Amino acid sequence: MCYKRTGWEGIYSIPLFRKMVLMDVGVAVRKIVHEKMTIPTIGYRYLMLQKGIEIEQKGMRLTGKAPACSAIVKNDYGITKGLSKKKTGLAFEMLLGLASMMYFEEVNA
């Protein structure tokens, strides 16, 4: 499904998401859930990475020396290289959504 009016392109099917974007979705989701359970301020890091990717999509960088936010997300969570910044941001949002569902299941169980 594509939204051509805004230029935003999305991947909505989980099998395509699993095949194209991530090497292993389960490993990345479990890593995010583990980080949520052990690091109390990890939500701020996720927010900064999401906002950083949004800023990078507009053509700006947060710092000149540090790696780009999209590169950090790709390295930390196994998102494949060579993916556009828009798709990287979308993949990261989907990972966070899946991880939050799994986190609430574990906490409420």
PDB file of N, CA and C in Angstrom:
ATOM      1  N   MET A   1       0.846  -1.169   0.000  1.00  0.00           N
ATOM      2  CA  MET A   1       0.000   0.000   0.000  1.00  0.00           C
ATOM      3  C   MET A   1       0.893   1.234   0.000  1.00  0.00           C
ATOM      4  N   CYS A   2       0.658   2.158  -0.889  1.00  0.00           N
ATOM      5  CA  CYS A   2       1.455   3.380  -0.978  1.00  0.00           C
ATOM      6  C   CYS A   2       0.556   4.597  -0.876  1.00  0.00           C
ATOM      7  N   TYR A   3       1.057   5.609  -0.241  1.00  0.00           N
ATOM      8  CA  TYR A   3       0.394   6.895  -0.203  1.00  0.00           C
ATOM      9  C   TYR A   3       1.220   7.844  -1.056  1.00  0.00           C
ATOM     10  N   LYS A   4       0.785   8.100  -2.294  1.00  0.00           N
ATOM     11  CA  LYS A   4       1.584   8.893  -3.211  1.00  0.00           C
ATOM     12  C   LYS A   4       1.418  10.391  -2.999  1.00  0.00           C
ATOM     13  N   ARG A   5       0.372  10.815  -2.342  1.00  0.00           N
ATOM     14  CA  ARG A   5       0.168  12.246  -2.123  1.00  0.00           C
ATOM     15  C   ARG A   5       1.243  12.824  -1.218  1.00  0.00           C
ATOM     16  N   THR A   6       1.622  12.083  -0.201  1.00  0.00           N
ATOM     17  CA  THR A   6       2.626  12.580   0.733  1.00  0.00           C
ATOM     18  C   THR A   6       4.015  12.060   0.407  1.00  0.00           C
ATOM     19  N   GLY A   7       4.116  11.129  -0.522  1.00  0.00           N
ATOM     20  CA  GLY A   7       5.414  10.560  -0.836  1.00  0.00           C
ATOM     21  C   GLY A   7       5.848   9.485   0.141  1.00  0.00           C
ATOM     22  N   TRP A   8       4.950   9.096   1.038  1.00  0.00           N
ATOM     23  CA  TRP A   8       5.285   8.112   2.059  1.00  0.00           C
ATOM     24  C   TRP A   8       4.973   6.726   1.544  1.00  0.00           C
ATOM     25  N   GLU A   9       5.949   5.856   1.593  1.00  0.00           N
ATOM     26  CA  GLU A   9       5.770   4.507   1.094  1.00  0.00           C
ATOM     27  C   GLU A   9       5.852   3.551   2.270  1.00  0.00           C
ATOM     28  N   GLY A  10       4.926   2.626   2.359  1.00  0.00           N
ATOM     29  CA  GLY A  10       4.885   1.755   3.519  1.00  0.00           C
ATOM     30  C   GLY A  10       4.859   0.292   3.182  1.00  0.00           C
ATOM     31  N   ILE A  11       5.347  -0.485   4.099  1.00  0.00           N
ATOM     32  CA  ILE A  11       5.289  -1.934   3.989  1.00  0.00           C
ATOM     33  C   ILE A  11       4.315  -2.393   5.062  1.00  0.00           C
ATOM     34  N   TYR A  12       3.197  -2.988   4.664  1.00  0.00           N
ATOM     35  CA  TYR A  12       2.180  -3.344   5.644  1.00  0.00           C
ATOM     36  C   TYR A  12       2.004  -4.838   5.849  1.00  0.00           C
ATOM     37  N   SER A  13       2.513  -5.661   4.952  1.00  0.00           N
ATOM     38  CA  SER A  13       2.311  -7.087   5.173  1.00  0.00           C
ATOM     39  C   SER A  13       3.489  -7.642   5.967  1.00  0.00           C
ATOM     40  N   ILE A  14       3.209  -8.349   7.028  1.00  0.00           N
ATOM     41  CA  ILE A  14       4.254  -8.888   7.893  1.00  0.00           C
ATOM     42  C   ILE A  14       5.160  -9.878   7.146  1.00  0.00           C
ATOM     43  N   PRO A  15       4.652 -10.782   6.273  1.00  0.00           N
ATOM     44  CA  PRO A  15       5.584 -11.664   5.559  1.00  0.00           C
ATOM     45  C   PRO A  15       6.562 -10.891   4.677  1.00  0.00           C
ATOM     46  N   LEU A  16       6.099  -9.859   3.997  1.00  0.00           N
ATOM     47  CA  LEU A  16       6.998  -9.048   3.191  1.00  0.00           C
ATOM     48  C   LEU A  16       7.970  -8.302   4.090  1.00  0.00           C
ATOM     49  N   PHE A  17       7.469  -7.791   5.204  1.00  0.00           N
ATOM     50  CA  PHE A  17       8.305  -7.100   6.183  1.00  0.00           C
ATOM     51  C   PHE A  17       9.392  -8.035   6.685  1.00  0.00           C
ATOM     52  N   ARG A  18       9.025  -9.260   7.000  1.00  0.00           N
ATOM     53  CA  ARG A  18       9.978 -10.236   7.516  1.00  0.00           C
ATOM     54  C   ARG A  18      10.999 -10.606   6.446  1.00  0.00           C
ATOM     55  N   LYS A  19      10.559 -10.741   5.199  1.00  0.00           N
ATOM     56  CA  LYS A  19      11.447 -11.178   4.133  1.00  0.00           C
ATOM     57  C   LYS A  19      12.406 -10.086   3.691  1.00  0.00           C
ATOM     58  N   MET A  20      11.901  -8.874   3.503  1.00  0.00           N
ATOM     59  CA  MET A  20      12.705  -7.804   2.927  1.00  0.00           C
ATOM     60  C   MET A  20      13.508  -7.016   3.944  1.00  0.00           C
ATOM     61  N   VAL A  21      12.926  -6.722   5.060  1.00  0.00           N
ATOM     62  CA  VAL A  21      13.477  -5.700   5.926  1.00  0.00           C
ATOM     63  C   VAL A  21      14.392  -6.252   7.002  1.00  0.00           C
ATOM     64  N   LEU A  22      14.001  -7.320   7.628  1.00  0.00           N
ATOM     65  CA  LEU A  22      14.768  -7.815   8.763  1.00  0.00           C
ATOM     66  C   LEU A  22      15.356  -9.179   8.493  1.00  0.00           C
ATOM     67  N   MET A  23      16.501  -9.402   9.081  1.00  0.00           N
ATOM     68  CA  MET A  23      17.078 -10.734   9.021  1.00  0.00           C
ATOM     69  C   MET A  23      16.272 -11.687   9.905  1.00  0.00           C
ATOM     70  N   ASP A  24      15.935 -11.248  11.104  1.00  0.00           N
ATOM     71  CA  ASP A  24      15.135 -12.064  12.006  1.00  0.00           C
ATOM     72  C   ASP A  24      14.307 -11.141  12.888  1.00  0.00           C
ATOM     73  N   VAL A  25      13.020 -11.115  12.634  1.00  0.00           N
ATOM     74  CA  VAL A  25      12.124 -10.219  13.368  1.00  0.00           C
ATOM     75  C   VAL A  25      12.062 -10.607  14.842  1.00  0.00           C
ATOM     76  N   GLY A  26      11.984 -11.904  15.124  1.00  0.00           N
ATOM     77  CA  GLY A  26      11.844 -12.360  16.498  1.00  0.00           C
ATOM     78  C   GLY A  26      12.996 -11.944  17.382  1.00  0.00           C
ATOM     79  N   VAL A  27      14.211 -12.027  16.866  1.00  0.00           N
ATOM     80  CA  VAL A  27      15.384 -11.644  17.654  1.00  0.00           C
ATOM     81  C   VAL A  27      15.335 -10.154  17.981  1.00  0.00           C
ATOM     82  N   ALA A  28      14.990  -9.332  16.995  1.00  0.00           N
ATOM     83  CA  ALA A  28      14.936  -7.890  17.219  1.00  0.00           C
ATOM     84  C   ALA A  28      13.832  -7.527  18.210  1.00  0.00           C
ATOM     85  N   VAL A  29      12.673  -8.159  18.087  1.00  0.00           N
ATOM     86  CA  VAL A  29      11.563  -7.861  18.999  1.00  0.00           C
ATOM     87  C   VAL A  29      11.911  -8.288  20.417  1.00  0.00           C
ATOM     88  N   ARG A  30      12.501  -9.471  20.564  1.00  0.00           N
ATOM     89  CA  ARG A  30      12.890  -9.921  21.914  1.00  0.00           C
ATOM     90  C   ARG A  30      13.956  -9.016  22.512  1.00  0.00           C
ATOM     91  N   LYS A  31      14.862  -8.504  21.671  1.00  0.00           N
ATOM     92  CA  LYS A  31      15.884  -7.582  22.169  1.00  0.00           C
ATOM     93  C   LYS A  31      15.248  -6.295  22.683  1.00  0.00           C
ATOM     94  N   ILE A  32      14.269  -5.758  21.950  1.00  0.00           N
ATOM     95  CA  ILE A  32      13.597  -4.536  22.377  1.00  0.00           C
ATOM     96  C   ILE A  32      12.824  -4.778  23.669  1.00  0.00           C
ATOM     97  N   VAL A  33      12.143  -5.924  23.775  1.00  0.00           N
ATOM     98  CA  VAL A  33      11.393  -6.242  24.997  1.00  0.00           C
ATOM     99  C   VAL A  33      12.344  -6.363  26.179  1.00  0.00           C
ATOM    100  N   HIS A  34      13.474  -7.016  25.975  1.00  0.00           N
ATOM    101  CA  HIS A  34      14.461  -7.148  27.051  1.00  0.00           C
ATOM    102  C   HIS A  34      14.980  -5.772  27.475  1.00  0.00           C
ATOM    103  N   GLU A  35      15.243  -4.894  26.496  1.00  0.00           N
ATOM    104  CA  GLU A  35      15.701  -3.544  26.827  1.00  0.00           C
ATOM    105  C   GLU A  35      14.634  -2.783  27.603  1.00  0.00           C
ATOM    106  N   LYS A  36      13.360  -2.942  27.220  1.00  0.00           N
ATOM    107  CA  LYS A  36      12.285  -2.255  27.943  1.00  0.00           C
ATOM    108  C   LYS A  36      12.192  -2.729  29.390  1.00  0.00           C
ATOM    109  N   MET A  37      12.459  -4.002  29.618  1.00  0.00           N
ATOM    110  CA  MET A  37      12.346  -4.549  30.971  1.00  0.00           C
ATOM    111  C   MET A  37      13.539  -4.191  31.844  1.00  0.00           C
ATOM    112  N   THR A  38      14.711  -3.982  31.246  1.00  0.00           N
ATOM    113  CA  THR A  38      15.911  -3.783  32.050  1.00  0.00           C
ATOM    114  C   THR A  38      16.411  -2.346  32.116  1.00  0.00           C
ATOM    115  N   ILE A  39      16.142  -1.540  31.094  1.00  0.00           N
ATOM    116  CA  ILE A  39      16.661  -0.175  31.055  1.00  0.00           C
ATOM    117  C   ILE A  39      15.489   0.796  31.230  1.00  0.00           C
ATOM    118  N   PRO A  40      15.452   1.521  32.340  1.00  0.00           N
ATOM    119  CA  PRO A  40      14.282   2.360  32.598  1.00  0.00           C
ATOM    120  C   PRO A  40      14.127   3.542  31.640  1.00  0.00           C
ATOM    121  N   THR A  41      15.211   4.040  31.052  1.00  0.00           N
ATOM    122  CA  THR A  41      15.122   5.221  30.188  1.00  0.00           C
ATOM    123  C   THR A  41      15.205   4.882  28.707  1.00  0.00           C
ATOM    124  N   ILE A  42      14.975   3.633  28.333  1.00  0.00           N
ATOM    125  CA  ILE A  42      15.127   3.230  26.934  1.00  0.00           C
ATOM    126  C   ILE A  42      14.079   3.881  26.034  1.00  0.00           C
ATOM    127  N   GLY A  43      12.939   4.235  26.582  1.00  0.00           N
ATOM    128  CA  GLY A  43      11.911   4.901  25.790  1.00  0.00           C
ATOM    129  C   GLY A  43      12.392   6.210  25.194  1.00  0.00           C
ATOM    130  N   TYR A  44      13.225   6.945  25.942  1.00  0.00           N
ATOM    131  CA  TYR A  44      13.776   8.191  25.420  1.00  0.00           C
ATOM    132  C   TYR A  44      14.722   7.928  24.253  1.00  0.00           C
ATOM    133  N   ARG A  45      15.470   6.834  24.330  1.00  0.00           N
ATOM    134  CA  ARG A  45      16.371   6.499  23.222  1.00  0.00           C
ATOM    135  C   ARG A  45      15.572   6.159  21.973  1.00  0.00           C
ATOM    136  N   TYR A  46      14.508   5.372  22.134  1.00  0.00           N
ATOM    137  CA  TYR A  46      13.670   5.026  20.991  1.00  0.00           C
ATOM    138  C   TYR A  46      13.056   6.285  20.382  1.00  0.00           C
ATOM    139  N   LEU A  47      12.594   7.192  21.227  1.00  0.00           N
ATOM    140  CA  LEU A  47      12.006   8.428  20.737  1.00  0.00           C
ATOM    141  C   LEU A  47      13.032   9.259  19.978  1.00  0.00           C
ATOM    142  N   MET A  48      14.252   9.357  20.518  1.00  0.00           N
ATOM    143  CA  MET A  48      15.300  10.128  19.842  1.00  0.00           C
ATOM    144  C   MET A  48      15.681   9.488  18.507  1.00  0.00           C
ATOM    145  N   LEU A  49      15.730   8.160  18.455  1.00  0.00           N
ATOM    146  CA  LEU A  49      16.040   7.504  17.185  1.00  0.00           C
ATOM    147  C   LEU A  49      14.945   7.748  16.159  1.00  0.00           C
ATOM    148  N   GLN A  50      13.686   7.679  16.585  1.00  0.00           N
ATOM    149  CA  GLN A  50      12.582   7.936  15.662  1.00  0.00           C
ATOM    150  C   GLN A  50      12.613   9.376  15.158  1.00  0.00           C
ATOM    151  N   LYS A  51      12.787  10.325  16.050  1.00  0.00           N
ATOM    152  CA  LYS A  51      12.840  11.732  15.647  1.00  0.00           C
ATOM    153  C   LYS A  51      14.063  12.008  14.777  1.00  0.00           C
ATOM    154  N   GLY A  52      15.188  11.356  15.094  1.00  0.00           N
ATOM    155  CA  GLY A  52      16.390  11.518  14.292  1.00  0.00           C
ATOM    156  C   GLY A  52      16.209  11.013  12.875  1.00  0.00           C
ATOM    157  N   ILE A  53      15.523   9.892  12.720  1.00  0.00           N
ATOM    158  CA  ILE A  53      15.254   9.369  11.384  1.00  0.00           C
ATOM    159  C   ILE A  53      14.334  10.323  10.623  1.00  0.00           C
ATOM    160  N   GLU A  54      13.334  10.887  11.307  1.00  0.00           N
ATOM    161  CA  GLU A  54      12.449  11.857  10.657  1.00  0.00           C
ATOM    162  C   GLU A  54      13.232  13.081  10.176  1.00  0.00           C
ATOM    163  N   ILE A  55      14.167  13.550  10.993  1.00  0.00           N
ATOM    164  CA  ILE A  55      14.982  14.702  10.611  1.00  0.00           C
ATOM    165  C   ILE A  55      15.900  14.347   9.444  1.00  0.00           C
ATOM    166  N   GLU A  56      16.458  13.129   9.464  1.00  0.00           N
ATOM    167  CA  GLU A  56      17.323  12.696   8.373  1.00  0.00           C
ATOM    168  C   GLU A  56      16.550  12.579   7.061  1.00  0.00           C
ATOM    169  N   GLN A  57      15.282  12.233   7.129  1.00  0.00           N
ATOM    170  CA  GLN A  57      14.472  12.159   5.921  1.00  0.00           C
ATOM    171  C   GLN A  57      14.320  13.533   5.278  1.00  0.00           C
ATOM    172  N   LYS A  58      14.404  14.577   6.081  1.00  0.00           N
ATOM    173  CA  LYS A  58      14.308  15.940   5.560  1.00  0.00           C
ATOM    174  C   LYS A  58      15.648  16.459   5.058  1.00  0.00           C
ATOM    175  N   GLY A  59      16.707  15.665   5.212  1.00  0.00           N
ATOM    176  CA  GLY A  59      18.008  16.042   4.690  1.00  0.00           C
ATOM    177  C   GLY A  59      18.962  16.639   5.699  1.00  0.00           C
ATOM    178  N   MET A  60      18.635  16.605   6.981  1.00  0.00           N
ATOM    179  CA  MET A  60      19.510  17.165   8.008  1.00  0.00           C
ATOM    180  C   MET A  60      20.113  16.049   8.836  1.00  0.00           C
ATOM    181  N   ARG A  61      21.202  16.370   9.538  1.00  0.00           N
ATOM    182  CA  ARG A  61      21.843  15.428  10.438  1.00  0.00           C
ATOM    183  C   ARG A  61      21.843  16.010  11.845  1.00  0.00           C
ATOM    184  N   LEU A  62      21.769  15.147  12.849  1.00  0.00           N
ATOM    185  CA  LEU A  62      21.795  15.633  14.229  1.00  0.00           C
ATOM    186  C   LEU A  62      23.204  16.058  14.633  1.00  0.00           C
ATOM    187  N   THR A  63      24.211  15.269  14.264  1.00  0.00           N
ATOM    188  CA  THR A  63      25.598  15.608  14.552  1.00  0.00           C
ATOM    189  C   THR A  63      26.440  15.318  13.316  1.00  0.00           C
ATOM    190  N   GLY A  64      27.605  15.914  13.273  1.00  0.00           N
ATOM    191  CA  GLY A  64      28.495  15.679  12.149  1.00  0.00           C
ATOM    192  C   GLY A  64      29.397  14.476  12.345  1.00  0.00           C
ATOM    193  N   LYS A  65      29.671  14.120  13.589  1.00  0.00           N
ATOM    194  CA  LYS A  65      30.637  13.058  13.855  1.00  0.00           C
ATOM    195  C   LYS A  65      30.011  11.712  14.184  1.00  0.00           C
ATOM    196  N   ALA A  66      28.887  11.718  14.829  1.00  0.00           N
ATOM    197  CA  ALA A  66      28.238  10.463  15.231  1.00  0.00           C
ATOM    198  C   ALA A  66      27.570   9.816  14.022  1.00  0.00           C
ATOM    199  N   PRO A  67      27.361   8.496  14.068  1.00  0.00           N
ATOM    200  CA  PRO A  67      26.646   7.851  12.954  1.00  0.00           C
ATOM    201  C   PRO A  67      25.189   8.317  12.885  1.00  0.00           C
ATOM    202  N   ALA A  68      24.626   8.184  11.711  1.00  0.00           N
ATOM    203  CA  ALA A  68      23.239   8.585  11.506  1.00  0.00           C
ATOM    204  C   ALA A  68      22.306   7.685  12.320  1.00  0.00           C
ATOM    205  N   CYS A  69      21.144   8.207  12.679  1.00  0.00           N
ATOM    206  CA  CYS A  69      20.174   7.443  13.461  1.00  0.00           C
ATOM    207  C   CYS A  69      19.709   6.210  12.700  1.00  0.00           C
ATOM    208  N   SER A  70      19.530   6.345  11.394  1.00  0.00           N
ATOM    209  CA  SER A  70      19.110   5.182  10.608  1.00  0.00           C
ATOM    210  C   SER A  70      20.194   4.107  10.615  1.00  0.00           C
ATOM    211  N   ALA A  71      21.461   4.500  10.622  1.00  0.00           N
ATOM    212  CA  ALA A  71      22.547   3.525  10.688  1.00  0.00           C
ATOM    213  C   ALA A  71      22.583   2.831  12.049  1.00  0.00           C
ATOM    214  N   ILE A  72      22.303   3.575  13.109  1.00  0.00           N
ATOM    215  CA  ILE A  72      22.267   2.978  14.451  1.00  0.00           C
ATOM    216  C   ILE A  72      21.159   1.937  14.533  1.00  0.00           C
ATOM    217  N   VAL A  73      19.980   2.269  14.012  1.00  0.00           N
ATOM    218  CA  VAL A  73      18.853   1.334  14.039  1.00  0.00           C
ATOM    219  C   VAL A  73      19.180   0.092  13.211  1.00  0.00           C
ATOM    220  N   LYS A  74      19.776   0.281  12.048  1.00  0.00           N
ATOM    221  CA  LYS A  74      20.122  -0.859  11.195  1.00  0.00           C
ATOM    222  C   LYS A  74      21.122  -1.776  11.887  1.00  0.00           C
ATOM    223  N   ASN A  75      22.128  -1.203  12.537  1.00  0.00           N
ATOM    224  CA  ASN A  75      23.144  -2.029  13.198  1.00  0.00           C
ATOM    225  C   ASN A  75      22.612  -2.720  14.449  1.00  0.00           C
ATOM    226  N   ASP A  76      21.858  -1.995  15.267  1.00  0.00           N
ATOM    227  CA  ASP A  76      21.406  -2.541  16.543  1.00  0.00           C
ATOM    228  C   ASP A  76      20.303  -3.582  16.406  1.00  0.00           C
ATOM    229  N   TYR A  77      19.413  -3.410  15.435  1.00  0.00           N
ATOM    230  CA  TYR A  77      18.238  -4.270  15.368  1.00  0.00           C
ATOM    231  C   TYR A  77      18.179  -5.146  14.125  1.00  0.00           C
ATOM    232  N   GLY A  78      19.245  -5.204  13.347  1.00  0.00           N
ATOM    233  CA  GLY A  78      19.338  -6.156  12.247  1.00  0.00           C
ATOM    234  C   GLY A  78      18.522  -5.807  11.021  1.00  0.00           C
ATOM    235  N   ILE A  79      18.168  -4.552  10.848  1.00  0.00           N
ATOM    236  CA  ILE A  79      17.464  -4.154   9.632  1.00  0.00           C
ATOM    237  C   ILE A  79      18.476  -4.170   8.498  1.00  0.00           C
ATOM    238  N   THR A  80      18.075  -4.686   7.346  1.00  0.00           N
ATOM    239  CA  THR A  80      19.015  -4.885   6.248  1.00  0.00           C
ATOM    240  C   THR A  80      19.595  -3.562   5.762  1.00  0.00           C
ATOM    241  N   LYS A  81      20.817  -3.642   5.290  1.00  0.00           N
ATOM    242  CA  LYS A  81      21.506  -2.476   4.747  1.00  0.00           C
ATOM    243  C   LYS A  81      20.889  -2.111   3.403  1.00  0.00           C
ATOM    244  N   GLY A  82      21.084  -0.896   2.960  1.00  0.00           N
ATOM    245  CA  GLY A  82      20.614  -0.466   1.661  1.00  0.00           C
ATOM    246  C   GLY A  82      19.137  -0.103   1.613  1.00  0.00           C
ATOM    247  N   LEU A  83      18.509  -0.015   2.770  1.00  0.00           N
ATOM    248  CA  LEU A  83      17.098   0.340   2.837  1.00  0.00           C
ATOM    249  C   LEU A  83      16.988   1.850   2.971  1.00  0.00           C
ATOM    250  N   SER A  84      15.983   2.444   2.347  1.00  0.00           N
ATOM    251  CA  SER A  84      15.835   3.900   2.413  1.00  0.00           C
ATOM    252  C   SER A  84      15.514   4.335   3.845  1.00  0.00           C
ATOM    253  N   LYS A  85      15.734   5.613   4.097  1.00  0.00           N
ATOM    254  CA  LYS A  85      15.471   6.133   5.439  1.00  0.00           C
ATOM    255  C   LYS A  85      13.988   6.049   5.785  1.00  0.00           C
ATOM    256  N   LYS A  86      13.111   6.234   4.806  1.00  0.00           N
ATOM    257  CA  LYS A  86      11.677   6.131   5.063  1.00  0.00           C
ATOM    258  C   LYS A  86      11.310   4.718   5.484  1.00  0.00           C
ATOM    259  N   LYS A  87      11.820   3.736   4.752  1.00  0.00           N
ATOM    260  CA  LYS A  87      11.501   2.351   5.079  1.00  0.00           C
ATOM    261  C   LYS A  87      12.176   1.919   6.376  1.00  0.00           C
ATOM    262  N   THR A  88      13.356   2.460   6.664  1.00  0.00           N
ATOM    263  CA  THR A  88      14.015   2.149   7.933  1.00  0.00           C
ATOM    264  C   THR A  88      13.181   2.678   9.101  1.00  0.00           C
ATOM    265  N   GLY A  89      12.688   3.906   8.975  1.00  0.00           N
ATOM    266  CA  GLY A  89      11.836   4.476  10.023  1.00  0.00           C
ATOM    267  C   GLY A  89      10.565   3.678  10.207  1.00  0.00           C
ATOM    268  N   LEU A  90       9.964   3.262   9.100  1.00  0.00           N
ATOM    269  CA  LEU A  90       8.740   2.464   9.172  1.00  0.00           C
ATOM    270  C   LEU A  90       9.008   1.101   9.800  1.00  0.00           C
ATOM    271  N   ALA A  91      10.113   0.474   9.412  1.00  0.00           N
ATOM    272  CA  ALA A  91      10.464  -0.823   9.989  1.00  0.00           C
ATOM    273  C   ALA A  91      10.704  -0.707  11.486  1.00  0.00           C
ATOM    274  N   PHE A  92      11.360   0.376  11.910  1.00  0.00           N
ATOM    275  CA  PHE A  92      11.612   0.583  13.335  1.00  0.00           C
ATOM    276  C   PHE A  92      10.313   0.808  14.092  1.00  0.00           C
ATOM    277  N   GLU A  93       9.381   1.560  13.516  1.00  0.00           N
ATOM    278  CA  GLU A  93       8.075   1.756  14.149  1.00  0.00           C
ATOM    279  C   GLU A  93       7.327   0.436  14.283  1.00  0.00           C
ATOM    280  N   MET A  94       7.394  -0.399  13.248  1.00  0.00           N
ATOM    281  CA  MET A  94       6.710  -1.695  13.307  1.00  0.00           C
ATOM    282  C   MET A  94       7.346  -2.593  14.358  1.00  0.00           C
ATOM    283  N   LEU A  95       8.675  -2.551  14.455  1.00  0.00           N
ATOM    284  CA  LEU A  95       9.357  -3.327  15.493  1.00  0.00           C
ATOM    285  C   LEU A  95       8.930  -2.883  16.882  1.00  0.00           C
ATOM    286  N   LEU A  96       8.880  -1.575  17.091  1.00  0.00           N
ATOM    287  CA  LEU A  96       8.471  -1.066  18.402  1.00  0.00           C
ATOM    288  C   LEU A  96       7.031  -1.442  18.711  1.00  0.00           C
ATOM    289  N   GLY A  97       6.170  -1.428  17.702  1.00  0.00           N
ATOM    290  CA  GLY A  97       4.780  -1.836  17.912  1.00  0.00           C
ATOM    291  C   GLY A  97       4.664  -3.300  18.288  1.00  0.00           C
ATOM    292  N   LEU A  98       5.381  -4.160  17.564  1.00  0.00           N
ATOM    293  CA  LEU A  98       5.362  -5.588  17.894  1.00  0.00           C
ATOM    294  C   LEU A  98       5.947  -5.842  19.276  1.00  0.00           C
ATOM    295  N   ALA A  99       7.027  -5.119  19.596  1.00  0.00           N
ATOM    296  CA  ALA A  99       7.657  -5.300  20.904  1.00  0.00           C
ATOM    297  C   ALA A  99       6.754  -4.821  22.028  1.00  0.00           C
ATOM    298  N   SER A 100       6.020  -3.734  21.811  1.00  0.00           N
ATOM    299  CA  SER A 100       5.132  -3.256  22.882  1.00  0.00           C
ATOM    300  C   SER A 100       3.996  -4.239  23.123  1.00  0.00           C
ATOM    301  N   MET A 101       3.493  -4.870  22.058  1.00  0.00           N
ATOM    302  CA  MET A 101       2.455  -5.896  22.249  1.00  0.00           C
ATOM    303  C   MET A 101       3.001  -7.075  23.039  1.00  0.00           C
ATOM    304  N   MET A 102       4.211  -7.508  22.700  1.00  0.00           N
ATOM    305  CA  MET A 102       4.816  -8.631  23.410  1.00  0.00           C
ATOM    306  C   MET A 102       5.135  -8.254  24.856  1.00  0.00           C
ATOM    307  N   TYR A 103       5.576  -7.028  25.072  1.00  0.00           N
ATOM    308  CA  TYR A 103       5.894  -6.550  26.418  1.00  0.00           C
ATOM    309  C   TYR A 103       4.653  -6.557  27.303  1.00  0.00           C
ATOM    310  N   PHE A 104       3.533  -6.036  26.794  1.00  0.00           N
ATOM    311  CA  PHE A 104       2.296  -6.011  27.591  1.00  0.00           C
ATOM    312  C   PHE A 104       1.787  -7.422  27.874  1.00  0.00           C
ATOM    313  N   GLU A 105       1.989  -8.350  26.942  1.00  0.00           N
ATOM    314  CA  GLU A 105       1.592  -9.741  27.201  1.00  0.00           C
ATOM    315  C   GLU A 105       2.427 -10.340  28.321  1.00  0.00           C
ATOM    316  N   GLU A 106       3.737 -10.050  28.324  1.00  0.00           N
ATOM    317  CA  GLU A 106       4.597 -10.605  29.354  1.00  0.00           C
ATOM    318  C   GLU A 106       4.339  -9.964  30.711  1.00  0.00           C
ATOM    319  N   VAL A 107       4.093  -8.661  30.727  1.00  0.00           N
ATOM    320  CA  VAL A 107       3.863  -7.965  31.993  1.00  0.00           C
ATOM    321  C   VAL A 107       2.521  -8.355  32.596  1.00  0.00           C
ATOM    322  N   ASN A 108       1.498  -8.493  31.761  1.00  0.00           N
ATOM    323  CA  ASN A 108       0.159  -8.790  32.268  1.00  0.00           C
ATOM    324  C   ASN A 108      -0.102 -10.288  32.444  1.00  0.00           C
ATOM    325  N   ALA A 109       0.834 -11.109  32.079  1.00  0.00           N
ATOM    326  CA  ALA A 109       0.622 -12.562  32.202  1.00  0.00           C
ATOM    327  C   ALA A 109       0.856 -13.048  33.605  1.00  0.00           C
TER     328      ALA A 109
END
